[in-house]
Protein backbone atom coordinates (compact mmCIF):
# COMPACT_ATOMS: atom_id res chain seq x y z
CA MET A 1 -89.80 93.68 0.92
CA SER A 2 -87.08 95.32 -1.21
CA LYS A 3 -83.79 96.68 -0.32
CA SER A 4 -82.87 99.97 -0.52
CA LEU A 5 -81.88 102.14 -3.94
CA GLU A 6 -78.65 104.74 -3.04
CA LEU A 7 -80.56 107.49 -6.00
CA LYS A 8 -77.48 108.73 -8.46
CA ILE A 9 -78.54 112.13 -6.75
CA SER A 10 -76.89 112.22 -4.14
CA SER A 11 -73.37 112.34 -6.59
CA THR A 12 -74.20 115.83 -7.03
CA GLY A 13 -73.78 117.86 -4.19
CA LEU A 14 -77.86 118.61 -3.97
CA TRP A 15 -78.27 115.42 -1.70
CA TYR A 16 -75.96 114.28 1.42
CA TYR A 17 -78.26 111.60 1.21
CA ALA A 18 -80.55 110.27 -0.81
CA ARG A 19 -83.02 106.68 -0.85
CA ALA A 20 -85.67 105.02 -2.54
CA LEU A 21 -86.93 102.54 -0.32
CA ASP A 22 -89.05 100.18 -2.60
CA ILE A 23 -89.89 99.87 -6.61
CA TYR A 24 -93.33 101.15 -7.82
CA SER A 25 -93.43 98.43 -10.46
CA ARG A 26 -92.12 95.11 -10.53
CA SER A 27 -93.17 94.15 -14.07
CA TYR A 28 -95.15 96.03 -17.16
CA ASP A 29 -96.56 94.25 -19.33
CA PRO A 30 -97.13 96.80 -22.72
CA ILE A 31 -99.50 94.31 -24.52
CA THR A 32 -102.28 93.85 -21.27
CA HIS A 33 -100.84 97.21 -19.64
CA GLU A 34 -101.17 95.34 -16.90
CA GLN A 35 -98.37 96.11 -13.62
CA GLU A 36 -97.76 94.27 -11.05
CA PHE A 37 -96.77 96.38 -7.92
CA SER A 38 -94.45 96.01 -4.69
CA ASP A 39 -96.52 96.03 -1.70
CA ILE A 40 -95.97 99.96 -0.95
CA GLY A 41 -95.74 100.86 -5.29
CA ARG A 42 -100.16 99.06 -4.82
CA TYR A 43 -100.36 101.32 -1.95
CA LEU A 44 -99.07 104.62 -3.25
CA ASN A 45 -101.21 103.57 -6.72
CA GLU A 46 -104.50 102.74 -4.62
CA TYR A 47 -104.03 106.96 -2.79
CA LYS A 48 -103.06 108.73 -5.71
CA TYR A 49 -105.37 107.51 -8.23
CA TRP A 50 -108.10 105.53 -7.35
CA ARG A 51 -111.14 107.75 -7.49
CA ILE A 52 -113.24 106.90 -4.74
CA VAL A 53 -110.67 105.61 -1.50
CA LYS A 54 -112.35 105.89 1.69
CA PRO A 55 -110.88 108.57 4.58
CA GLU A 56 -110.14 105.32 6.77
CA ARG A 57 -108.40 103.49 3.94
CA ARG A 58 -106.69 106.70 3.00
CA ALA A 59 -105.59 106.85 6.78
CA GLU A 60 -104.51 103.47 7.00
CA ILE A 61 -101.96 103.50 4.06
CA GLU A 62 -100.46 107.07 4.96
CA LYS A 63 -99.60 104.80 8.75
CA ILE A 64 -98.14 101.94 6.42
CA ALA A 65 -96.35 104.19 4.44
CA PHE A 66 -95.10 106.24 8.06
CA GLU A 67 -94.00 102.90 9.47
CA PHE A 68 -92.53 101.81 6.47
CA THR A 69 -90.52 105.10 5.94
CA LEU A 70 -89.95 104.79 10.47
CA LYS A 71 -88.11 101.51 10.46
CA HIS A 72 -85.42 103.15 7.15
CA LEU A 73 -84.89 105.36 9.00
CA GLN A 74 -84.21 103.57 12.62
CA ALA A 75 -81.98 101.52 10.37
CA ASN A 76 -80.22 104.26 9.17
CA PHE A 77 -79.54 106.33 11.45
CA THR A 78 -78.94 104.81 15.09
CA ASP A 79 -76.76 107.24 16.73
CA GLU A 80 -78.12 111.44 16.78
CA ILE A 81 -80.78 111.82 14.38
CA PRO A 82 -78.54 113.96 11.51
CA PHE A 83 -81.89 116.08 10.61
CA ASN A 84 -84.49 118.53 12.21
CA TYR A 85 -86.57 119.54 9.50
CA LEU A 86 -89.05 117.63 7.55
CA PHE A 87 -90.41 118.60 4.22
CA SER A 88 -92.66 117.13 1.78
CA VAL A 89 -92.88 117.87 -1.86
CA PRO A 90 -95.24 120.55 -2.93
CA ASN A 91 -98.09 119.44 -4.45
CA ASN A 92 -98.19 119.28 -8.38
CA ARG A 93 -101.41 121.36 -9.41
CA ALA A 94 -103.53 118.10 -10.42
CA VAL A 95 -102.82 116.00 -7.00
CA LYS A 96 -104.90 117.09 -3.93
CA GLU A 97 -103.47 114.13 -1.53
CA SER A 98 -99.98 113.84 -0.62
CA ILE A 99 -98.78 110.87 1.11
CA GLY A 100 -95.70 112.71 1.87
CA LEU A 101 -96.80 115.44 3.50
CA GLU A 102 -99.22 112.73 6.34
CA VAL A 103 -95.27 111.13 6.67
CA CYS A 104 -94.07 114.26 7.72
CA LYS A 105 -97.33 115.33 9.82
CA LEU A 106 -96.64 111.54 11.59
CA LEU A 107 -92.90 111.63 12.03
CA GLU A 108 -93.36 115.43 14.07
CA THR A 109 -96.77 113.75 15.60
CA ASN A 110 -94.39 110.77 17.17
CA TYR A 111 -91.10 112.70 18.05
CA PRO A 112 -92.17 116.31 18.37
CA LYS A 113 -88.88 117.05 20.66
CA ILE A 114 -86.12 116.40 17.85
CA LEU A 115 -88.64 116.75 14.15
CA LYS A 116 -90.61 119.63 13.10
CA ASN A 117 -92.51 119.46 9.78
CA SER A 118 -92.19 122.47 8.06
CA SER A 119 -93.59 121.45 4.70
CA ALA A 120 -95.51 125.15 4.81
CA ALA A 121 -92.22 126.77 4.20
CA ILE A 122 -91.72 125.65 0.70
CA SER A 123 -93.66 126.98 -2.13
CA LYS A 124 -94.02 126.91 -5.56
CA THR A 125 -93.19 130.21 -7.45
CA LYS A 126 -95.19 128.86 -10.75
CA GLU A 127 -97.41 126.86 -11.64
CA ILE A 128 -95.84 123.83 -12.69
CA PRO A 129 -97.01 120.57 -15.71
CA VAL A 130 -97.52 116.73 -14.81
CA ILE A 131 -93.59 116.55 -15.39
CA LYS A 132 -94.02 112.53 -15.83
CA ASN A 133 -96.09 113.75 -19.12
CA ILE A 134 -92.91 115.68 -20.09
CA GLU A 135 -90.55 113.00 -22.12
CA SER A 136 -87.23 115.90 -22.54
CA VAL A 137 -84.85 116.05 -19.78
CA GLU A 138 -84.37 119.70 -20.93
CA GLU A 139 -87.80 120.89 -20.88
CA ARG A 140 -88.02 119.46 -17.55
CA ALA A 141 -85.45 121.34 -16.29
CA ALA A 142 -86.37 124.29 -17.82
CA HIS A 143 -90.58 123.94 -16.39
CA LEU A 144 -88.51 123.01 -13.15
CA LYS A 145 -85.74 126.27 -12.88
CA ASP A 146 -86.31 128.30 -9.69
CA ALA A 147 -89.79 126.65 -9.11
CA TYR A 148 -89.72 126.49 -5.42
CA THR A 149 -88.64 128.99 -2.46
CA VAL A 150 -88.09 128.81 0.71
CA ASP A 151 -89.75 131.00 3.50
CA LYS A 152 -86.47 131.45 5.76
CA SER A 153 -88.02 133.17 8.36
CA LYS A 154 -89.77 129.70 9.61
CA ILE A 155 -86.39 127.85 9.69
CA GLN A 156 -84.47 128.71 12.71
CA MET A 157 -81.18 127.32 13.90
CA PRO A 158 -81.53 123.65 11.03
CA LYS A 159 -78.81 120.71 11.25
CA GLY A 160 -80.20 119.05 8.46
CA PHE A 161 -83.21 118.61 6.01
CA LEU A 162 -85.06 115.87 5.65
CA VAL A 163 -86.92 115.37 2.27
CA ILE A 164 -90.17 112.95 2.20
CA ASP A 165 -91.52 112.04 -1.40
CA ASP A 166 -93.58 109.43 -2.85
CA ILE A 167 -92.40 107.96 -6.01
CA TYR A 168 -88.81 109.05 -7.24
CA GLY A 169 -89.41 109.30 -11.53
CA SER A 170 -86.31 111.36 -13.62
CA GLY A 171 -85.15 112.94 -10.46
CA SER A 172 -86.35 116.44 -12.07
CA THR A 173 -88.14 117.69 -9.38
CA VAL A 174 -86.28 116.85 -6.08
CA ARG A 175 -82.50 118.12 -7.92
CA SER A 176 -84.75 121.62 -8.33
CA LEU A 177 -86.08 121.32 -4.35
CA GLY A 178 -82.38 120.11 -3.02
CA ARG A 179 -81.32 123.59 -5.56
CA THR A 180 -83.40 125.62 -3.54
CA LEU A 181 -82.10 124.19 -0.35
CA ARG A 182 -79.01 124.48 -1.48
CA ASP A 183 -79.27 128.25 -2.31
CA SER A 184 -81.22 129.15 0.84
CA PHE A 185 -79.02 127.40 3.35
CA PRO A 186 -75.33 125.96 1.52
CA GLU A 187 -74.45 124.71 4.84
CA VAL A 188 -77.50 123.15 6.40
CA PRO A 189 -76.89 118.76 4.81
CA ARG A 190 -80.20 117.54 2.88
CA PHE A 191 -82.23 114.53 2.73
CA LEU A 192 -84.25 112.81 1.00
CA ILE A 193 -86.42 109.57 1.28
CA THR A 194 -88.74 108.45 -1.81
CA LEU A 195 -91.27 105.58 -0.56
CA THR A 196 -90.40 103.84 -4.28
CA TYR A 197 -88.64 104.53 -7.53
CA LEU A 198 -89.89 103.60 -11.37
CA LYS A 199 -87.48 100.90 -12.62
CA SER A 200 -88.45 102.42 -15.65
CA ASN A 201 -86.16 105.52 -15.11
CA LEU A 202 -83.07 103.44 -13.10
CA GLY A 203 -80.77 104.73 -15.52
CA VAL A 204 -81.41 107.64 -15.40
CA LYS A 205 -78.31 109.69 -14.58
CA SER A 206 -79.01 113.21 -12.51
């Protein structure tokens, strides 16, 4: 298992803590287009892109992702947990399943007294194209500007927000979501965990 990576977006003030837990693809052959995935990367690829994944296999991958996330949280937040609300990044219209959402649900199920999955409090204000297909950073930012909103009536006495996503690419989506949370609750610290990051985007400044 790879050592977690501190994402550069934590230095922008949008996120108090931002970590990617593993790499999505360790190697890529531009001729054969073959990829060698890490364990978590392979699970995510199967979960997101394989055409037929049986429900029991999907549940198995969700449990693996949950345990992977929980292990990181237990290792890095040994004192009082600094957040009580959980969010997943809202789905792109082209994707039906969200492993981030399922991890949030499992965290709430296992720790109902201290963690609340409030992913439903965040919604999209507009349809967003598949961001990974847009190369221009400026164009990505334009599509994601004011793309999310938070129903503040569903958030009571927050001490911190934990957002869980599956893959960190350019960071455009989580920057947009971070701004939304900051603008809605400027005094509440924001924490971000992505299960994996794209190796090709490690040099992208956020």
